Amino acid sequence: MAEIIIMPKLGFNMDEGRLMKWCFAPGDQISKGEVLFEIETDKTTMPVEATRDGVLLKTLLEEGVYAPVFEPIAVIGEAGEDADAALASHGSGEAAKASDTSAPAEDRAPVPAEAAGKTVERLLLTPKAKKLIKDERIDPASIAAVQGTGFRGGITAKDIKASPLAYKIAERDGVDLASVQGTGAGGKVMKEDVLKAVAQPAVSDGGDKKILSTTPYKGVRKIIGDRLAQSKFTAPHLYFTDSIDTTKFTAFRKQLNETGDVKVAVSDLLLLATSKALQQYPGINISLVDGQIICYKSTNIGMAVAGDNGLIVPVVKNAQDKTLLAIAAESKGLVERAKTGKLAPEEYSGGTFTISNLGMFGVENFTAIINPPESAILAVSSVRKKAVAETGEDGEDTIVIRPMMNVQLTVDHRLIDGLLAVQFLAYFKHLLENPLKILM
């Protein structure tokens, strides 16, 4: 019997997924355990394995397209099985849950066209038809009169597209139907014409804005936006900035890499120094969860990484128990997987503090937004040679050139007072300017 493959729900907050790649084509033989497709969740790209042996009879979703969780996206079965019949049966089964089960299945008919206030569940719809209704926000009552041509009289997406719904789509998206160029017989405006007009970017201000492209605000970008907006407007952010002389820090890292087998990145030393500072001032390593202020013993430090699928924060967990070389080896793998969207969910969750390092991009100074439910984040900028005043042993001040790095600590002022933030930042600066203490 054919099996309907659905868009899986891979996270608590996941309500839709984007199909990134089909690993097989319709007609291919598949073995249980082989990767059938890859999807993009709100954080990363995940492979999804086939749960049975069989032939990929049909795919319902194109690569790069979003679908709600639990929505049918493919059919696997034996060679020669009717995929459309399996899909229609699947749709009928869902509709039956909300219908009168007292009558035999063969005696049930589609909902009468006269009935008002219909919902999707009360109509006999194919999966593609349901998706079309959801994507285009079509009132189900408006298609109650559509004659279904699918299995057992089910309404298909093709049936809906053939119905006179163009005016509803135009009205919804603010398109003047009279201005749409029709491609039908005698210049009749077809539904496809309206969809094309809806998709065409509007040009305002007298046409002086030339639009290069438009992208739906959804997926990873929307998740990032929602989380940061929640953080910014929920937690009162307080900022503390300081400059750090990296003369000794740079020399220390160079010496480590000349003598060690594992190359240590600047971010590795920053991570370990942050872990030590959090142990010294645990009041920074806290979260507000369900009305409780939780202070963590673990220093689970995230590193903000810009990957192919947007910003993601892989986490080095329990850094306080790890050596510098162990952190260097672990963080290298995490960053590589983050950039290619291959992180496992447990690798980007569970952080207690985040470092956002843009130093490699030459940024002199920037402000970072706290990554909830954490209560602090450290922004690290580039190293620049600057003239600074230095007091000699004789008490005289001289002007010298030093490689200086700006850092800014952002804290949630609901939970962290200014004095504690200043003490943490001062200790972090002390560690970087005396880097041997990072390893002590």
Protein backbone atom coordinates (compact mmCIF):
# COMPACT_ATOMS: atom_id res chain seq x y z
CA MET A 1 0.00 0.00 0.00
CA ALA A 2 1.30 3.46 -0.91
CA GLU A 3 2.60 5.70 1.88
CA ILE A 4 2.00 9.45 1.96
CA ILE A 5 5.17 11.36 2.91
CA ILE A 6 4.47 14.56 4.85
CA MET A 7 6.50 17.62 5.74
CA PRO A 8 7.91 16.58 9.15
CA LYS A 9 7.80 18.75 12.26
CA LEU A 10 11.41 18.83 13.49
CA GLY A 11 11.13 21.49 16.18
CA PHE A 12 8.64 22.77 18.73
CA ASN A 13 8.28 26.15 17.00
CA MET A 14 8.38 24.80 13.45
CA ASP A 15 5.15 25.36 11.54
CA GLU A 16 6.50 25.07 8.01
CA GLY A 17 9.56 23.77 6.22
CA ARG A 18 11.28 24.56 2.96
CA LEU A 19 12.16 21.65 0.72
CA MET A 20 15.76 22.23 -0.33
CA LYS A 21 16.57 19.09 -2.31
CA TRP A 22 15.03 15.87 -3.56
CA CYS A 23 17.61 13.08 -3.41
CA PHE A 24 15.54 10.84 -5.71
CA ALA A 25 13.34 11.43 -8.74
CA PRO A 26 9.88 9.96 -9.34
CA GLY A 27 10.26 6.37 -10.53
CA ASP A 28 13.46 5.74 -8.52
CA GLN A 29 13.72 2.75 -6.20
CA ILE A 30 14.33 3.72 -2.57
CA SER A 31 15.52 1.68 0.38
CA LYS A 32 14.50 2.30 3.96
CA GLY A 33 17.03 4.55 5.70
CA GLU A 34 18.21 6.33 2.56
CA VAL A 35 17.97 10.14 2.57
CA LEU A 36 14.84 10.99 0.60
CA PHE A 37 14.98 14.78 0.80
CA GLU A 38 16.49 17.71 2.70
CA ILE A 39 14.47 20.47 4.32
CA GLU A 40 15.34 23.85 5.75
CA THR A 41 13.91 24.41 9.21
CA ASP A 42 14.02 27.66 11.18
CA LYS A 43 17.67 26.95 12.03
CA THR A 44 19.38 24.53 9.70
CA THR A 45 19.09 22.04 6.85
CA MET A 46 18.11 18.54 7.90
CA PRO A 47 18.13 15.27 5.91
CA VAL A 48 14.95 13.16 6.09
CA GLU A 49 15.20 9.42 5.54
CA ALA A 50 12.74 7.10 3.85
CA THR A 51 10.79 4.96 6.32
CA ARG A 52 10.15 2.07 3.92
CA ASP A 53 11.37 0.38 0.78
CA GLY A 54 9.57 1.21 -2.45
CA VAL A 55 9.35 3.42 -5.50
CA LEU A 56 9.04 7.19 -5.33
CA LEU A 57 5.72 7.41 -7.17
CA LYS A 58 5.17 11.15 -7.05
CA THR A 59 6.50 14.40 -5.57
CA LEU A 60 4.11 17.23 -4.70
CA LEU A 61 6.55 19.98 -3.75
CA GLU A 62 9.24 21.63 -5.84
CA GLU A 63 12.71 22.38 -4.50
CA GLY A 64 12.91 25.75 -2.77
CA VAL A 65 9.20 25.85 -1.93
CA TYR A 66 7.69 26.04 1.57
CA ALA A 67 4.99 23.72 2.90
CA PRO A 68 3.17 23.55 6.26
CA VAL A 69 4.17 20.74 8.60
CA PHE A 70 2.20 17.53 8.09
CA GLU A 71 1.33 18.57 4.53
CA PRO A 72 1.71 15.68 2.00
CA ILE A 73 4.76 16.23 -0.20
CA ALA A 74 5.37 12.82 -1.81
CA VAL A 75 4.07 9.29 -2.28
CA ILE A 76 6.09 6.07 -1.96
CA GLY A 77 4.67 2.67 -2.91
CA GLU A 78 5.03 -0.33 -5.14
CA ALA A 79 5.72 0.04 -8.84
CA GLY A 80 2.48 0.65 -10.73
CA GLU A 81 0.45 1.91 -7.77
CA ASP A 82 -1.82 4.90 -8.34
CA ALA A 83 -0.32 7.83 -6.42
CA ASP A 84 -3.28 10.12 -7.09
CA ALA A 85 -5.71 7.56 -5.70
CA ALA A 86 -3.58 7.25 -2.57
CA LEU A 87 -3.58 11.02 -2.15
CA ALA A 88 -7.31 11.28 -2.70
CA SER A 89 -7.86 8.52 -0.15
CA HIS A 90 -5.60 10.37 2.27
CA GLY A 91 -7.61 13.57 1.77
CA SER A 92 -10.90 11.68 2.14
CA GLY A 93 -9.68 10.15 5.37
CA GLU A 94 -8.93 13.58 6.81
CA ALA A 95 -12.29 14.94 5.71
CA ALA A 96 -14.06 11.96 7.23
CA LYS A 97 -12.74 12.86 10.67
CA ALA A 98 -14.86 15.98 10.64
CA SER A 99 -17.88 14.49 8.89
CA ASP A 100 -20.78 12.24 9.92
CA THR A 101 -19.33 8.76 10.28
CA SER A 102 -22.69 7.05 10.60
CA ALA A 103 -23.09 6.67 6.84
CA PRO A 104 -21.00 4.18 4.84
CA ALA A 105 -18.08 5.74 2.99
CA GLU A 106 -19.47 4.91 -0.42
CA ASP A 107 -22.73 6.73 0.38
CA ARG A 108 -21.08 10.00 1.39
CA ALA A 109 -21.16 12.86 -1.09
CA PRO A 110 -19.33 16.18 -1.29
CA VAL A 111 -20.77 18.94 0.87
CA PRO A 112 -23.77 20.61 -0.85
CA ALA A 113 -22.96 23.83 -2.66
CA GLU A 114 -25.80 25.61 -0.89
CA ALA A 115 -24.25 25.13 2.55
CA ALA A 116 -22.78 28.31 3.95
CA GLY A 117 -19.83 28.86 6.30
CA LYS A 118 -17.86 25.88 5.03
CA THR A 119 -14.39 25.13 6.36
CA VAL A 120 -11.58 23.29 4.64
CA GLU A 121 -12.23 20.25 6.80
CA ARG A 122 -15.86 20.01 5.65
CA LEU A 123 -14.97 19.92 1.95
CA LEU A 124 -13.66 16.90 0.08
CA LEU A 125 -10.31 18.32 -1.01
CA THR A 126 -7.08 16.89 -2.33
CA PRO A 127 -3.87 17.86 -0.48
CA LYS A 128 -2.83 20.22 -3.29
CA ALA A 129 -6.23 21.89 -3.16
CA LYS A 130 -5.87 22.47 0.59
CA LYS A 131 -2.45 24.01 0.06
CA LEU A 132 -3.79 26.28 -2.67
CA ILE A 133 -6.59 27.46 -0.39
CA LYS A 134 -4.15 28.19 2.42
CA ASP A 135 -1.49 29.86 0.25
CA GLU A 136 -3.98 32.13 -1.52
CA ARG A 137 -6.23 32.59 1.50
CA ILE A 138 -9.32 31.57 -0.44
CA ASP A 139 -12.63 31.50 1.42
CA PRO A 140 -13.70 27.81 1.38
CA ALA A 141 -17.33 28.90 1.01
CA SER A 142 -16.44 30.41 -2.36
CA ILE A 143 -15.54 27.00 -3.78
CA ALA A 144 -18.41 24.99 -2.33
CA ALA A 145 -20.06 25.10 -5.77
CA VAL A 146 -16.97 23.83 -7.60
CA GLN A 147 -17.55 20.48 -9.27
CA GLY A 148 -14.82 18.12 -8.14
CA THR A 149 -13.14 15.88 -10.69
CA GLY A 150 -10.90 14.03 -8.27
CA PHE A 151 -11.25 10.62 -6.62
CA ARG A 152 -14.79 10.16 -5.24
CA GLY A 153 -15.68 13.64 -6.48
CA GLY A 154 -12.93 15.35 -4.51
CA ILE A 155 -12.05 18.94 -5.44
CA THR A 156 -8.56 19.24 -6.89
CA ALA A 157 -6.29 22.26 -7.18
CA LYS A 158 -6.96 22.17 -10.92
CA ASP A 159 -10.71 22.40 -10.26
CA ILE A 160 -10.19 25.45 -8.06
CA LYS A 161 -7.93 27.17 -10.58
CA ALA A 162 -10.56 26.65 -13.26
CA SER A 163 -13.19 28.40 -11.14
CA PRO A 164 -13.84 32.16 -11.33
CA LEU A 165 -11.67 33.14 -8.35
CA ALA A 166 -9.54 35.79 -10.06
CA TYR A 167 -11.55 38.67 -8.66
CA LYS A 168 -11.09 37.36 -5.10
CA ILE A 169 -7.30 37.20 -5.45
CA ALA A 170 -7.23 40.65 -7.05
CA GLU A 171 -9.37 42.11 -4.27
CA ARG A 172 -7.19 40.52 -1.58
CA ASP A 173 -3.93 41.94 -2.96
CA GLY A 174 -5.22 45.33 -4.00
CA VAL A 175 -4.94 44.78 -7.76
CA ASP A 176 -7.24 46.74 -10.08
CA LEU A 177 -8.82 43.99 -12.15
CA ALA A 178 -9.64 46.47 -14.91
CA SER A 179 -5.93 47.18 -15.39
CA VAL A 180 -4.93 43.52 -15.78
CA GLN A 181 -4.09 42.42 -19.32
CA GLY A 182 -6.11 39.29 -20.15
CA THR A 183 -4.64 36.39 -22.10
CA GLY A 184 -7.82 34.36 -22.46
CA ALA A 185 -10.14 34.12 -25.43
CA GLY A 186 -11.27 37.60 -26.48
CA GLY A 187 -8.92 39.19 -23.94
CA LYS A 188 -10.61 37.52 -20.98
CA VAL A 189 -8.72 37.96 -17.72
CA MET A 190 -7.65 34.55 -16.48
CA LYS A 191 -6.63 33.61 -12.96
CA GLU A 192 -3.00 33.27 -14.10
CA ASP A 193 -3.10 36.87 -15.34
CA VAL A 194 -4.16 38.09 -11.91
CA LEU A 195 -1.51 36.00 -10.16
CA LYS A 196 1.11 37.51 -12.47
CA ALA A 197 -0.13 41.01 -11.65
CA VAL A 198 -0.08 40.22 -7.93
CA ALA A 199 3.49 38.92 -8.16
CA GLN A 200 4.69 41.99 -10.07
CA PRO A 201 6.41 44.38 -7.62
CA ALA A 202 4.67 47.69 -7.29
CA VAL A 203 6.66 50.83 -8.14
CA SER A 204 5.79 53.89 -6.09
CA ASP A 205 6.89 57.55 -5.90
CA GLY A 206 6.21 58.19 -9.53
CA GLY A 207 8.17 55.15 -10.71
CA ASP A 208 11.58 56.34 -9.46
CA LYS A 209 12.13 53.22 -7.33
CA LYS A 210 13.54 50.42 -9.45
CA ILE A 211 13.08 47.08 -7.73
CA LEU A 212 15.76 44.46 -8.23
CA SER A 213 13.91 41.57 -6.57
CA THR A 214 11.36 40.63 -3.91
CA THR A 215 11.72 37.87 -1.33
CA PRO A 216 9.00 36.53 1.00
CA TYR A 217 9.61 37.46 4.63
CA LYS A 218 9.48 33.96 6.03
CA GLY A 219 11.64 31.01 7.01
CA VAL A 220 15.01 31.68 8.65
CA ARG A 221 14.90 35.44 8.08
CA LYS A 222 11.49 35.74 9.76
CA ILE A 223 12.55 33.57 12.71
CA ILE A 224 15.62 35.78 13.25
CA GLY A 225 13.53 38.92 12.98
CA ASP A 226 10.83 37.71 15.36
CA ARG A 227 13.33 36.58 18.00
CA LEU A 228 15.40 39.76 17.89
CA ALA A 229 12.32 41.98 17.91
CA GLN A 230 11.03 40.09 20.94
CA SER A 231 14.38 40.51 22.66
CA LYS A 232 14.80 44.20 21.85
CA PHE A 233 11.30 45.22 22.90
CA THR A 234 10.98 42.90 25.90
CA ALA A 235 14.37 43.18 27.57
CA PRO A 236 15.69 46.70 28.31
CA HIS A 237 19.17 46.62 26.76
CA LEU A 238 22.08 48.31 28.54
CA TYR A 239 25.47 48.72 26.82
CA PHE A 240 29.07 48.91 28.03
CA THR A 241 32.02 49.54 25.69
CA ASP A 242 35.76 49.30 26.27
CA SER A 243 38.98 49.07 24.25
CA ILE A 244 41.47 46.24 24.76
CA ASP A 245 45.19 46.34 23.96
CA THR A 246 45.82 43.11 22.02
CA THR A 247 49.62 43.33 21.85
CA LYS A 248 50.25 40.45 24.26
CA PHE A 249 47.14 38.58 23.11
CA THR A 250 48.33 38.44 19.49
CA ALA A 251 51.85 37.40 20.46
CA PHE A 252 50.49 34.70 22.79
CA ARG A 253 48.28 33.19 20.08
CA LYS A 254 51.17 33.25 17.59
CA GLN A 255 53.36 31.36 20.05
CA LEU A 256 50.63 28.77 20.66
CA ASN A 257 50.21 28.11 16.94
CA GLU A 258 53.94 27.84 16.35
CA THR A 259 54.31 25.13 18.98
CA GLY A 260 50.96 23.28 18.90
CA ASP A 261 49.45 20.74 16.53
CA VAL A 262 45.94 22.28 16.64
CA LYS A 263 45.60 25.81 15.28
CA VAL A 264 43.92 28.17 17.74
CA ALA A 265 41.65 30.87 16.34
CA VAL A 266 41.08 34.24 17.95
CA SER A 267 37.51 33.16 18.67
CA ASP A 268 38.76 30.12 20.61
CA LEU A 269 40.73 32.29 23.03
CA LEU A 270 37.81 34.72 23.29
CA LEU A 271 35.49 31.83 24.10
CA LEU A 272 37.71 30.43 26.84
CA ALA A 273 38.29 33.90 28.31
CA THR A 274 34.54 34.49 28.33
CA SER A 275 34.01 31.18 30.11
CA LYS A 276 36.48 32.18 32.85
CA ALA A 277 34.84 35.60 33.21
CA LEU A 278 31.40 33.99 33.54
CA GLN A 279 32.74 31.71 36.27
CA GLN A 280 34.17 34.74 38.04
CA TYR A 281 30.87 36.65 37.68
CA PRO A 282 28.08 34.04 37.41
CA GLY A 283 25.46 36.78 37.75
CA ILE A 284 25.98 37.43 34.02
CA ASN A 285 25.35 33.77 33.15
CA ILE A 286 21.62 33.84 33.83
CA SER A 287 18.20 33.59 32.16
CA LEU A 288 14.64 34.55 33.04
CA VAL A 289 12.43 31.48 32.51
CA ASP A 290 8.80 31.24 33.62
CA GLY A 291 9.21 33.90 36.27
CA GLN A 292 12.38 32.34 37.67
CA ILE A 293 15.92 33.78 37.41
CA ILE A 294 18.14 30.81 36.63
CA CYS A 295 21.89 31.10 37.27
CA TYR A 296 23.90 28.51 35.34
CA LYS A 297 26.99 26.63 36.41
CA SER A 298 27.57 25.54 32.82
CA THR A 299 29.11 28.13 30.53
CA ASN A 300 27.49 27.18 27.23
CA ILE A 301 28.82 29.81 24.87
CA GLY A 302 27.33 30.46 21.45
CA MET A 303 29.23 31.95 18.53
CA ALA A 304 27.09 33.92 16.08
CA VAL A 305 27.88 32.66 12.56
CA ALA A 306 26.52 33.97 9.25
CA GLY A 307 25.86 30.88 7.12
CA ASP A 308 24.19 30.13 3.80
CA ASN A 309 20.77 30.04 5.48
CA GLY A 310 21.12 33.15 7.66
CA LEU A 311 22.45 33.78 11.13
CA ILE A 312 22.85 30.79 13.44
CA VAL A 313 24.54 30.36 16.81
CA PRO A 314 26.36 27.05 17.37
CA VAL A 315 27.11 26.41 21.03
CA VAL A 316 30.21 25.07 22.76
CA LYS A 317 28.74 23.50 25.87
CA ASN A 318 30.39 23.31 29.30
CA ALA A 319 33.40 25.27 28.11
CA GLN A 320 34.51 25.55 31.73
CA ASP A 321 35.45 21.85 31.65
CA LYS A 322 37.38 21.95 28.36
CA THR A 323 40.93 22.80 27.39
CA LEU A 324 41.77 25.43 24.80
CA LEU A 325 42.75 22.77 22.26
CA ALA A 326 39.51 20.87 22.83
CA ILE A 327 37.53 24.08 22.31
CA ALA A 328 39.51 24.85 19.14
CA ALA A 329 38.80 21.43 17.63
CA GLU A 330 35.10 21.52 18.57
CA SER A 331 34.43 25.08 17.44
CA LYS A 332 36.09 24.49 14.06
CA GLY A 333 33.65 21.68 13.28
CA LEU A 334 30.67 23.66 14.56
CA VAL A 335 31.49 26.70 12.43
CA GLU A 336 31.96 24.59 9.30
CA ARG A 337 28.59 22.88 9.79
CA ALA A 338 26.91 26.18 10.64
CA LYS A 339 28.07 27.81 7.41
CA THR A 340 26.71 24.94 5.33
CA GLY A 341 23.48 24.54 7.33
CA LYS A 342 24.36 21.05 8.61
CA LEU A 343 24.13 21.61 12.37
CA ALA A 344 22.12 19.18 14.44
CA PRO A 345 19.45 20.83 16.66
CA GLU A 346 21.38 20.06 19.84
CA GLU A 347 24.39 21.94 18.44
CA TYR A 348 22.63 25.32 18.24
CA SER A 349 20.47 25.16 21.38
CA GLY A 350 21.12 25.36 25.09
CA GLY A 351 23.37 28.44 25.11
CA THR A 352 23.78 30.63 28.20
CA PHE A 353 25.87 33.46 26.64
CA THR A 354 26.73 34.55 23.09
CA ILE A 355 29.77 36.11 21.41
CA SER A 356 29.22 38.00 18.14
CA ASN A 357 32.63 38.53 16.53
CA LEU A 358 32.77 40.74 13.43
CA GLY A 359 36.44 41.59 13.81
CA MET A 360 37.40 39.73 10.63
CA PHE A 361 35.16 42.09 8.61
CA GLY A 362 36.93 45.26 9.73
CA VAL A 363 34.04 46.66 11.78
CA GLU A 364 35.31 49.23 14.27
CA ASN A 365 32.37 49.07 16.63
CA PHE A 366 28.83 47.64 16.70
CA THR A 367 25.96 46.87 19.03
CA ALA A 368 24.57 43.35 19.40
CA ILE A 369 21.05 42.35 20.42
CA ILE A 370 20.68 39.73 23.16
CA ASN A 371 19.85 36.21 21.99
CA PRO A 372 16.88 35.13 24.17
CA PRO A 373 16.49 33.55 26.65
CA GLU A 374 20.06 34.59 27.47
CA SER A 375 20.68 37.83 29.34
CA ALA A 376 23.90 39.10 27.79
CA ILE A 377 25.90 39.14 24.56
CA LEU A 378 29.44 40.32 23.78
CA ALA A 379 30.14 42.16 20.52
CA VAL A 380 33.78 41.95 19.37
CA SER A 381 35.09 44.36 16.72
CA SER A 382 38.26 44.53 14.64
CA VAL A 383 41.77 45.28 15.86
CA ARG A 384 43.04 48.71 14.76
CA LYS A 385 46.28 50.50 15.46
CA LYS A 386 45.59 53.59 17.52
CA ALA A 387 47.53 56.21 19.41
CA VAL A 388 47.14 55.69 23.14
CA ALA A 389 48.64 57.30 26.23
CA GLU A 390 50.98 55.04 28.21
CA THR A 391 52.44 55.83 31.63
CA GLY A 392 56.07 54.81 32.05
CA GLU A 393 57.90 53.71 35.20
CA ASP A 394 58.95 57.29 35.75
CA GLY A 395 55.33 58.38 35.83
CA GLU A 396 55.58 60.24 32.56
CA ASP A 397 52.94 59.77 29.87
CA THR A 398 53.96 59.02 26.32
CA ILE A 399 51.95 58.49 23.14
CA VAL A 400 52.42 55.02 21.63
CA ILE A 401 50.79 53.05 18.83
CA ARG A 402 48.93 49.96 20.04
CA PRO A 403 46.64 47.38 18.35
CA MET A 404 43.30 48.13 20.03
CA MET A 405 40.09 46.13 19.86
CA ASN A 406 36.67 47.47 20.81
CA VAL A 407 34.29 45.21 22.69
CA GLN A 408 30.74 45.96 23.79
CA LEU A 409 28.75 44.06 26.39
CA THR A 410 24.96 44.17 26.09
CA VAL A 411 22.95 43.08 29.14
CA ASP A 412 19.30 42.70 30.08
CA HIS A 413 18.91 45.47 32.65
CA ARG A 414 15.96 43.68 34.25
CA LEU A 415 18.37 41.06 35.57
CA ILE A 416 21.86 42.56 35.44
CA ASP A 417 22.92 45.81 37.13
CA GLY A 418 25.47 48.15 35.66
CA LEU A 419 28.12 47.54 38.31
CA LEU A 420 28.14 43.77 37.70
CA ALA A 421 28.38 44.33 33.94
CA VAL A 422 31.34 46.70 34.40
CA GLN A 423 33.12 44.20 36.66
CA PHE A 424 32.64 41.39 34.15
CA LEU A 425 33.92 43.50 31.25
CA ALA A 426 36.92 44.72 33.24
CA TYR A 427 37.89 41.14 34.13
CA PHE A 428 37.47 40.02 30.52
CA LYS A 429 39.76 42.88 29.44
CA HIS A 430 42.31 41.89 32.10
CA LEU A 431 42.39 38.32 30.78
CA LEU A 432 42.97 39.38 27.17
CA GLU A 433 45.69 41.84 28.13
CA ASN A 434 47.33 39.13 30.27
CA PRO A 435 46.49 36.09 28.07
CA LEU A 436 48.50 33.51 30.04
CA LYS A 437 45.83 33.84 32.75
CA ILE A 438 43.24 32.51 30.29
CA LEU A 439 44.85 29.09 30.62
CA MET A 440 45.42 29.24 34.39
